[in-house]
Protein backbone atom coordinates (compact mmCIF):
# COMPACT_ATOMS: atom_id res chain seq x y z
CA MET A 1 107.32 -77.02 -100.49
CA THR A 2 104.93 -79.55 -100.41
CA ARG A 3 101.09 -78.38 -100.95
CA SER A 4 98.41 -79.96 -98.15
CA THR A 5 96.84 -81.97 -99.92
CA THR A 6 93.42 -82.19 -96.81
CA PRO A 7 90.74 -81.38 -97.76
CA ALA A 8 89.80 -78.17 -96.30
CA PRO A 9 86.19 -78.15 -93.95
CA ALA A 10 83.60 -77.84 -96.13
CA ARG A 11 81.83 -74.18 -95.30
CA ILE A 12 78.65 -73.96 -93.89
CA GLU A 13 76.26 -71.16 -96.20
CA ALA A 14 74.86 -68.51 -93.62
CA THR A 15 71.12 -68.29 -93.91
CA ALA A 16 70.24 -64.53 -94.47
CA VAL A 17 66.29 -63.53 -93.91
CA ARG A 18 64.77 -62.67 -97.75
CA ALA A 19 61.54 -61.73 -96.26
CA VAL A 20 59.28 -61.62 -93.06
CA ARG A 21 55.56 -63.96 -92.29
CA ALA A 22 52.69 -63.75 -90.39
CA TRP A 23 50.28 -66.82 -90.63
CA ARG A 24 47.39 -67.02 -87.76
CA LEU A 25 46.75 -69.60 -85.62
CA SER A 26 44.08 -71.09 -84.49
CA PRO A 27 42.88 -69.42 -81.19
CA GLN A 28 43.31 -70.87 -77.64
CA PRO A 29 40.58 -73.23 -77.36
CA ALA A 30 38.66 -72.31 -73.94
CA GLY A 31 38.08 -74.27 -71.04
CA PHE A 32 40.58 -76.81 -69.33
CA PRO A 33 42.64 -79.65 -71.45
CA SER A 34 41.78 -83.21 -71.92
CA GLY A 35 43.28 -86.02 -70.37
CA LEU A 36 44.67 -84.48 -67.70
CA PRO A 37 46.11 -86.40 -64.54
CA GLU A 38 42.49 -87.40 -62.74
CA PRO A 39 43.98 -85.61 -59.25
CA VAL A 40 44.34 -82.97 -60.73
CA ALA A 41 41.10 -82.98 -62.60
CA ALA A 42 39.79 -83.23 -59.66
CA ALA A 43 41.35 -80.07 -57.90
CA VAL A 44 40.75 -77.49 -60.94
CA GLY A 45 39.53 -73.96 -60.00
CA GLU A 46 38.27 -71.26 -62.72
CA PRO A 47 38.58 -71.84 -66.28
CA PRO A 48 42.48 -71.00 -67.21
CA ALA A 49 41.83 -66.61 -68.51
CA GLY A 50 43.90 -67.61 -71.85
CA PRO A 51 40.77 -66.70 -74.64
CA ALA A 52 39.12 -64.01 -72.29
CA TRP A 53 42.54 -61.78 -73.78
CA ALA A 54 43.16 -60.45 -76.79
CA GLU A 55 46.39 -62.34 -77.71
CA HIS A 56 44.97 -65.82 -77.28
CA ARG A 57 42.56 -65.12 -78.84
CA THR A 58 43.95 -63.95 -82.28
CA ARG A 59 47.45 -66.08 -82.39
CA PHE A 60 50.18 -65.80 -84.98
CA ALA A 61 53.46 -66.83 -85.87
CA ILE A 62 56.39 -65.51 -86.77
CA GLU A 63 58.28 -67.33 -90.54
CA LEU A 64 61.46 -65.65 -91.21
CA VAL A 65 62.17 -67.42 -94.80
CA GLY A 66 66.12 -68.02 -95.80
CA ASP A 67 67.30 -69.51 -98.50
CA GLY A 68 65.59 -72.44 -98.93
CA VAL A 69 64.50 -72.83 -95.25
CA SER A 70 63.04 -71.09 -92.53
CA GLY A 71 62.53 -70.46 -88.32
CA TRP A 72 60.13 -70.09 -86.65
CA HIS A 73 58.17 -68.68 -83.85
CA ALA A 74 55.27 -68.65 -82.25
CA PRO A 75 52.43 -67.94 -80.97
CA VAL A 76 52.23 -64.12 -80.83
CA GLY A 77 49.70 -61.73 -80.59
CA GLU A 78 48.30 -58.81 -82.53
CA ALA A 79 50.02 -56.28 -80.52
CA VAL A 80 53.00 -58.01 -81.33
CA LEU A 81 52.48 -58.14 -84.66
CA ARG A 82 51.91 -54.73 -86.15
CA ILE A 83 55.43 -54.01 -83.88
CA VAL A 84 57.16 -56.78 -85.91
CA ALA A 85 55.40 -55.80 -88.70
CA ASP A 86 56.11 -52.07 -88.46
CA ASP A 87 58.96 -51.14 -86.40
CA LEU A 88 61.35 -54.80 -86.83
CA ALA A 89 60.56 -56.28 -90.17
CA ALA A 90 62.55 -54.29 -92.60
CA GLY A 91 65.72 -54.38 -90.62
CA LEU A 92 65.86 -57.74 -90.44
CA ILE A 93 65.87 -58.31 -94.09
CA GLY A 94 69.02 -59.67 -94.96
CA HIS A 95 70.02 -59.64 -91.34
CA ASP A 96 72.83 -63.73 -91.02
CA THR A 97 71.71 -65.35 -89.03
CA ALA A 98 74.89 -67.34 -88.10
CA ALA A 99 75.83 -63.44 -86.26
CA PRO A 100 73.16 -63.43 -83.50
CA ARG A 101 75.32 -60.02 -81.19
CA ARG A 102 74.77 -58.08 -84.84
CA LEU A 103 70.33 -58.71 -83.92
CA GLY A 104 70.04 -55.36 -82.18
CA TYR A 105 72.16 -53.92 -83.81
CA ARG A 106 69.22 -53.99 -87.28
CA ARG A 107 67.50 -50.68 -88.61
CA LYS A 108 64.59 -50.24 -86.44
CA ALA A 109 61.58 -48.18 -87.39
CA GLY A 110 59.13 -46.82 -85.48
CA ARG A 111 59.70 -45.76 -81.28
CA HIS A 112 59.26 -49.27 -79.68
CA ARG A 113 62.38 -49.25 -77.77
CA CYS A 114 60.93 -50.13 -73.95
CA GLY A 115 58.04 -52.43 -72.54
CA ALA A 116 56.34 -55.34 -72.25
CA HIS A 117 55.10 -55.96 -75.63
CA ALA A 118 58.49 -54.33 -77.79
CA ARG A 119 60.54 -56.58 -75.72
CA GLN A 120 57.91 -59.82 -77.01
CA ALA A 121 58.74 -58.14 -80.37
CA ALA A 122 62.37 -58.50 -80.16
CA SER A 123 62.34 -61.95 -78.16
CA ALA A 124 59.60 -63.68 -80.86
CA VAL A 125 62.25 -62.64 -84.47
CA GLU A 126 65.00 -63.50 -81.55
CA LEU A 127 63.95 -66.99 -81.46
CA ALA A 128 62.85 -67.25 -84.63
CA CYS A 129 66.51 -66.56 -85.31
CA TRP A 130 67.92 -69.20 -83.65
CA ASP A 131 65.38 -71.66 -85.26
CA LEU A 132 65.89 -70.64 -88.97
CA ARG A 133 69.41 -70.84 -87.91
CA SER A 134 69.26 -74.17 -86.60
CA ARG A 135 67.49 -75.70 -89.44
CA ALA A 136 69.63 -74.43 -92.05
CA THR A 137 72.83 -76.20 -89.99
CA GLY A 138 70.53 -79.31 -88.83
CA LEU A 139 72.36 -78.44 -85.19
CA SER A 140 69.83 -78.34 -82.18
CA VAL A 141 69.81 -75.01 -80.84
CA THR A 142 71.48 -76.32 -77.55
CA GLY A 143 73.97 -77.20 -79.25
CA LEU A 144 74.60 -73.73 -81.49
CA LEU A 145 74.29 -71.92 -77.63
CA GLY A 146 77.56 -73.67 -76.96
CA GLY A 147 76.83 -77.46 -76.51
CA THR A 148 74.46 -79.52 -74.68
CA ILE A 149 75.14 -80.23 -71.75
CA ARG A 150 71.95 -82.87 -70.09
CA ASP A 151 69.83 -84.36 -72.67
CA THR A 152 66.39 -84.00 -70.03
CA VAL A 153 66.09 -81.40 -67.89
CA PRO A 154 63.75 -81.33 -64.60
CA ALA A 155 60.42 -79.63 -64.44
CA TYR A 156 58.61 -78.54 -61.21
CA ALA A 157 54.96 -78.83 -61.58
CA SER A 158 52.68 -75.10 -61.42
CA ALA A 159 49.91 -75.82 -59.80
CA LEU A 160 48.53 -72.22 -60.91
CA GLY A 161 45.15 -73.48 -62.20
CA LEU A 162 44.47 -75.17 -59.91
CA ASP A 163 42.53 -74.09 -55.72
CA PRO A 164 44.37 -74.57 -53.24
CA ALA A 165 41.52 -74.59 -50.75
CA HIS A 166 40.24 -77.48 -53.12
CA ALA A 167 39.08 -80.57 -51.46
CA ALA A 168 41.23 -82.49 -52.95
CA ALA A 169 43.79 -80.37 -53.72
CA PRO A 170 46.17 -82.67 -51.42
CA GLU A 171 44.96 -85.38 -53.14
CA ALA A 172 47.03 -83.27 -56.04
CA ALA A 173 49.48 -82.37 -53.88
CA ALA A 174 50.68 -86.00 -53.26
CA TRP A 175 49.99 -86.68 -57.06
CA ILE A 176 52.61 -84.18 -57.73
CA THR A 177 55.61 -85.82 -56.29
CA GLU A 178 54.67 -89.07 -56.87
CA ALA A 179 54.83 -88.22 -60.37
CA GLY A 180 58.67 -86.89 -59.86
CA PHE A 181 58.35 -83.15 -60.58
CA TRP A 182 61.40 -81.42 -59.11
CA GLY A 183 59.21 -79.36 -57.57
CA GLN A 184 55.70 -78.31 -57.16
CA LYS A 185 53.80 -74.55 -57.02
CA TRP A 186 50.84 -72.83 -55.64
CA PRO A 187 48.82 -69.68 -55.62
CA LEU A 188 48.09 -67.60 -52.67
CA THR A 189 44.77 -66.75 -54.21
CA LYS A 190 43.26 -63.69 -52.47
CA PRO A 191 40.04 -64.06 -50.65
CA SER A 192 42.89 -66.52 -48.19
CA ILE A 193 45.82 -63.34 -48.27
CA LEU A 194 42.25 -61.22 -47.00
CA ALA A 195 41.54 -63.54 -44.41
CA GLY A 196 44.87 -63.45 -43.06
CA PRO A 197 48.25 -66.22 -42.10
CA ARG A 198 45.86 -68.51 -40.20
CA GLU A 199 43.65 -68.59 -43.56
CA VAL A 200 47.00 -69.12 -45.87
CA ALA A 201 48.58 -71.99 -42.85
CA ARG A 202 45.63 -73.81 -43.22
CA THR A 203 44.89 -74.11 -47.17
CA LEU A 204 48.54 -74.53 -47.60
CA GLY A 205 49.78 -76.65 -44.27
CA PRO A 206 47.64 -80.03 -45.85
CA LEU A 207 49.40 -79.89 -49.47
CA ARG A 208 52.79 -78.56 -48.02
CA GLU A 209 52.03 -82.35 -45.13
CA ALA A 210 50.95 -84.31 -48.63
CA ALA A 211 54.17 -83.33 -50.56
CA GLY A 212 56.25 -84.66 -48.64
CA GLU A 213 60.26 -84.32 -48.90
CA GLY A 214 58.56 -82.68 -52.64
CA ARG A 215 59.94 -78.99 -52.75
CA PHE A 216 57.29 -76.42 -52.63
CA MET A 217 57.10 -72.88 -53.54
CA VAL A 218 53.68 -70.25 -53.40
CA ASP A 219 53.44 -67.49 -56.46
CA GLY A 220 51.91 -64.33 -54.79
CA LEU A 221 50.66 -63.62 -58.07
CA GLY A 222 51.99 -59.31 -57.31
CA ARG A 223 48.81 -59.69 -55.08
CA CYS A 224 49.40 -59.21 -51.60
CA HIS A 225 49.91 -55.41 -49.92
CA LEU A 226 52.56 -54.93 -48.16
CA ASP A 227 51.69 -55.28 -44.49
CA GLU A 228 49.85 -59.48 -45.47
CA ALA A 229 52.61 -59.44 -47.01
CA MET A 230 55.15 -58.42 -44.04
CA ARG A 231 52.85 -60.88 -42.17
CA LEU A 232 52.97 -64.27 -44.52
CA LEU A 233 56.45 -64.54 -44.28
CA PRO A 234 56.47 -66.64 -40.92
CA VAL A 235 54.19 -68.64 -42.68
CA LEU A 236 55.89 -69.39 -45.53
CA ALA A 237 58.44 -70.14 -43.33
CA ASP A 238 56.83 -72.80 -41.26
CA LEU A 239 55.95 -74.52 -44.95
CA GLN A 240 59.45 -73.93 -45.53
CA VAL A 241 59.16 -72.92 -48.34
CA THR A 242 62.03 -73.38 -51.55
CA PHE A 243 60.85 -70.41 -52.98
CA ALA A 244 58.07 -67.57 -52.75
CA GLU A 245 57.69 -65.66 -56.01
CA GLU A 246 56.53 -62.13 -56.72
CA LEU A 247 53.96 -61.90 -53.18
CA LEU A 248 54.43 -57.64 -54.45
CA PRO A 249 55.58 -56.55 -57.92
CA PRO A 250 58.45 -56.72 -57.88
CA GLY A 251 60.49 -53.97 -58.15
CA SER A 252 58.48 -51.79 -56.83
CA TRP A 253 58.20 -49.64 -53.40
CA GLY A 254 56.61 -52.81 -50.39
CA TRP A 255 59.31 -55.47 -52.72
CA HIS A 256 62.44 -52.75 -51.55
CA ARG A 257 60.66 -52.47 -47.74
CA LEU A 258 60.20 -56.57 -47.85
CA ARG A 259 63.79 -57.33 -48.51
CA ALA A 260 64.74 -55.02 -46.55
CA ALA A 261 62.80 -56.91 -43.55
CA GLY A 262 64.31 -60.12 -44.01
CA THR A 263 63.54 -63.74 -43.86
CA SER A 264 64.66 -66.79 -44.50
CA VAL A 265 61.88 -67.53 -47.47
CA PRO A 266 63.71 -66.79 -50.56
CA LEU A 267 62.49 -64.53 -53.32
CA ALA A 268 61.80 -65.76 -56.59
CA ALA A 269 60.91 -62.68 -59.44
CA GLY A 270 62.40 -61.86 -63.14
CA GLU A 271 60.00 -63.76 -66.08
CA HIS A 272 58.23 -59.59 -65.99
CA ALA A 273 61.52 -57.59 -66.01
CA VAL A 274 61.31 -58.01 -69.02
CA ASP A 275 63.95 -54.32 -70.18
CA GLU A 276 67.66 -55.03 -69.68
CA ALA A 277 68.14 -52.01 -67.95
CA GLU A 278 65.81 -53.22 -65.20
CA GLN A 279 66.84 -57.30 -65.37
CA ILE A 280 70.55 -55.93 -63.87
CA ARG A 281 69.29 -53.82 -61.70
CA MET A 282 67.33 -56.61 -59.49
CA LEU A 283 70.48 -58.89 -59.91
CA SER A 284 72.71 -57.02 -59.52
CA GLY A 285 71.13 -54.46 -56.89
CA GLY A 286 70.06 -57.80 -53.59
CA GLN A 287 66.43 -57.67 -55.40
CA VAL A 288 66.10 -61.41 -55.97
CA ASP A 289 67.63 -64.76 -54.23
CA VAL A 290 65.69 -66.64 -57.19
CA TRP A 291 66.40 -66.13 -60.89
CA GLN A 292 63.14 -66.33 -62.95
CA VAL A 293 63.79 -65.51 -67.01
CA ASP A 294 62.09 -65.15 -69.62
CA PRO A 295 63.85 -66.22 -73.47
CA GLY A 296 59.84 -65.19 -74.92
CA TRP A 297 59.83 -61.76 -72.92
CA SER A 298 63.01 -60.97 -71.99
CA GLY A 299 64.55 -60.21 -74.79
CA GLY A 300 65.67 -63.51 -75.99
CA LEU A 301 67.82 -66.46 -76.32
CA THR A 302 70.84 -64.85 -75.91
CA ARG A 303 69.77 -62.43 -73.52
CA SER A 304 68.18 -64.76 -71.43
CA LEU A 305 72.21 -67.24 -70.83
CA HIS A 306 73.54 -63.81 -70.44
CA THR A 307 71.63 -62.98 -67.26
CA THR A 308 71.58 -66.68 -65.70
CA GLU A 309 74.88 -66.87 -65.79
CA LEU A 310 75.22 -63.22 -64.26
CA ALA A 311 72.91 -65.19 -61.47
CA ALA A 312 75.41 -68.10 -61.28
CA ASP A 313 77.73 -66.10 -60.89
CA LEU A 314 75.93 -64.01 -58.02
CA GLY A 315 74.90 -67.21 -56.34
CA MET A 316 71.15 -67.73 -57.72
CA ALA A 317 69.76 -70.46 -60.11
CA THR A 318 67.31 -69.25 -62.54
CA PHE A 319 64.02 -71.12 -62.88
CA PRO A 320 63.04 -70.82 -66.50
CA HIS A 321 59.74 -69.00 -66.18
CA GLY A 322 57.31 -71.51 -68.70
CA ASP A 323 55.57 -69.84 -71.26
CA ARG A 324 58.14 -70.59 -73.82
CA LEU A 325 59.21 -74.31 -73.37
CA SER A 326 60.72 -74.73 -75.78
CA ALA A 327 63.45 -72.01 -75.15
CA GLY A 328 63.37 -72.82 -71.87
CA LEU A 329 64.47 -76.39 -72.52
CA ALA A 330 67.19 -75.26 -74.91
CA LEU A 331 68.37 -73.01 -72.61
CA ALA A 332 68.35 -75.35 -69.88
CA GLY A 333 70.05 -77.65 -71.89
CA ALA A 334 73.15 -75.66 -72.42
CA CYS A 335 73.12 -75.47 -68.73
CA CYS A 336 74.10 -77.07 -65.74
CA ARG A 337 72.20 -77.88 -62.79
CA ASP A 338 73.64 -75.93 -60.36
CA THR A 339 72.55 -73.33 -62.78
CA ILE A 340 69.05 -73.89 -63.52
CA PRO A 341 68.19 -76.94 -61.51
CA ALA A 342 64.74 -77.04 -62.65
CA VAL A 343 61.59 -75.26 -65.79
CA GLU A 344 58.59 -74.16 -65.14
CA TRP A 345 55.56 -77.13 -66.48
CA HIS A 346 52.16 -75.25 -65.68
CA LEU A 347 49.83 -78.53 -64.88
CA ILE A 348 47.07 -76.44 -67.26
CA LEU A 349 47.79 -74.06 -69.24
CA GLU A 350 51.42 -75.76 -70.71
CA PRO A 351 49.40 -78.62 -72.77
CA LEU A 352 47.29 -75.79 -73.96
CA ARG A 353 50.10 -73.82 -75.21
CA GLN A 354 51.40 -77.31 -76.97
CA GLN A 355 48.49 -77.75 -79.19
CA ILE A 356 49.94 -75.64 -81.63
CA PHE A 357 52.59 -77.70 -82.21
CA SER A 358 52.46 -81.41 -84.54
CA ALA A 359 54.30 -82.73 -81.50
CA PRO A 360 53.53 -81.66 -78.01
CA VAL A 361 56.06 -81.70 -75.90
CA HIS A 362 54.67 -84.55 -72.60
CA ALA A 363 56.38 -84.40 -69.18
CA GLU A 364 57.61 -88.20 -68.08
CA ASP A 365 58.80 -88.54 -64.37
CA GLY A 366 58.78 -85.40 -64.18
CA MET A 367 61.36 -84.02 -66.64
CA LEU A 368 60.84 -82.98 -69.82
CA PRO A 369 62.94 -83.33 -72.74
CA VAL A 370 66.02 -81.18 -74.44
CA ARG A 371 65.40 -81.17 -78.44
CA ASN A 372 68.35 -82.62 -80.40
CA ALA A 373 67.30 -82.23 -83.12
CA ALA A 374 67.35 -79.36 -85.56
CA GLY A 375 64.33 -75.90 -84.57
CA LEU A 376 63.28 -74.87 -81.22
CA ALA A 377 60.26 -77.07 -82.26
CA GLU A 378 57.78 -78.70 -84.92
CA ILE A 379 56.95 -76.19 -87.06
CA PRO A 380 53.41 -75.09 -85.74
CA THR A 381 50.19 -76.18 -87.95
CA LEU A 382 48.78 -73.52 -90.00
CA PRO A 383 45.22 -73.82 -90.31
CA GLU A 384 45.15 -70.53 -93.32
CA LYS A 385 47.05 -71.15 -96.12
CA THR A 386 47.12 -67.44 -96.60
CA ALA A 387 49.52 -64.69 -94.74
CA ALA A 388 48.54 -62.21 -92.69
CA LEU A 389 51.97 -60.68 -93.14
CA GLU A 390 54.85 -60.89 -95.57
CA VAL A 391 57.57 -58.05 -95.99
CA THR A 392 60.23 -58.75 -98.90
CA GLY A 393 63.74 -57.69 -99.45
CA PRO A 394 64.52 -56.00 -102.55
């Protein structure tokens, strides 16, 4: 028998985590970002609350050190970092990032298994693992997820930092449509909710008209009582909203009553469904019409892809939350437009979030680029050179 002389394909070395580090970042700047489009800047309301939150004043970047390459995730707050340091870091040492499904079986210390901070910590290390594997192989994260289906993804503009009652708000709504965004989402403010459905219609009606043929969404931010939400449904139906987000806290008693009432207004939720059981309960129990997922809160990319595909099987579209834009774009780049029609772009907060990266992402003609280079995002800019945390293996 003649032995083949065809050389075997080069094997990509698996990259194991050798150390876990954390680096302090600059705090989120106060006020509004510079360079806002004039119509948007004219309609701004209260300054973003971020700088008043401890998690935005004290921020860190997580670094997973491999063999000659590192993976990154940023930013995380101090409470999340403590869970990474106390519960997860030691068990990460030696983890092979080529086996993402094994991550959940790594050794953990402590009792932090569920809840917002625990899931943010698990998400942070999972996303850093994807970043490390991507940089080690030279493949994009979307490629590692199964292949890039599209190079750009539509963005819908979140106008939550704008005042819908401002005289300049209709001009901002018209600009959003003209700028090519997939749609726009406006807040239901507490004063308008308290004033009643007529006030909500008076406030949002001009914005809906200014948006023209563009899609129009609202976010209740969980501010409504059940009776208020019930009275608002006919108004939102008249406005032909594409979806109404979190009129009530999702999964609450009132939320179930709202669903049972029956309405032509699609209801959206999911970004705050951080625990796995809650995610499955909301999806399989018919609690939502539109699924929203945040890879930075829900457990990472693997989990987000799973719930996105489950939502698609159940006939629901998914709109990734914008808090971890790079992960949301990688997810969207691996899915078709019917599965993920658009990704959230926060007009006020996203420029502030992007300031920690050397090459910020920008929306162009309402589209966001899917990263085709290695890594989830650019490596964050580190103002301090002394690690705030370092855990190494034996």
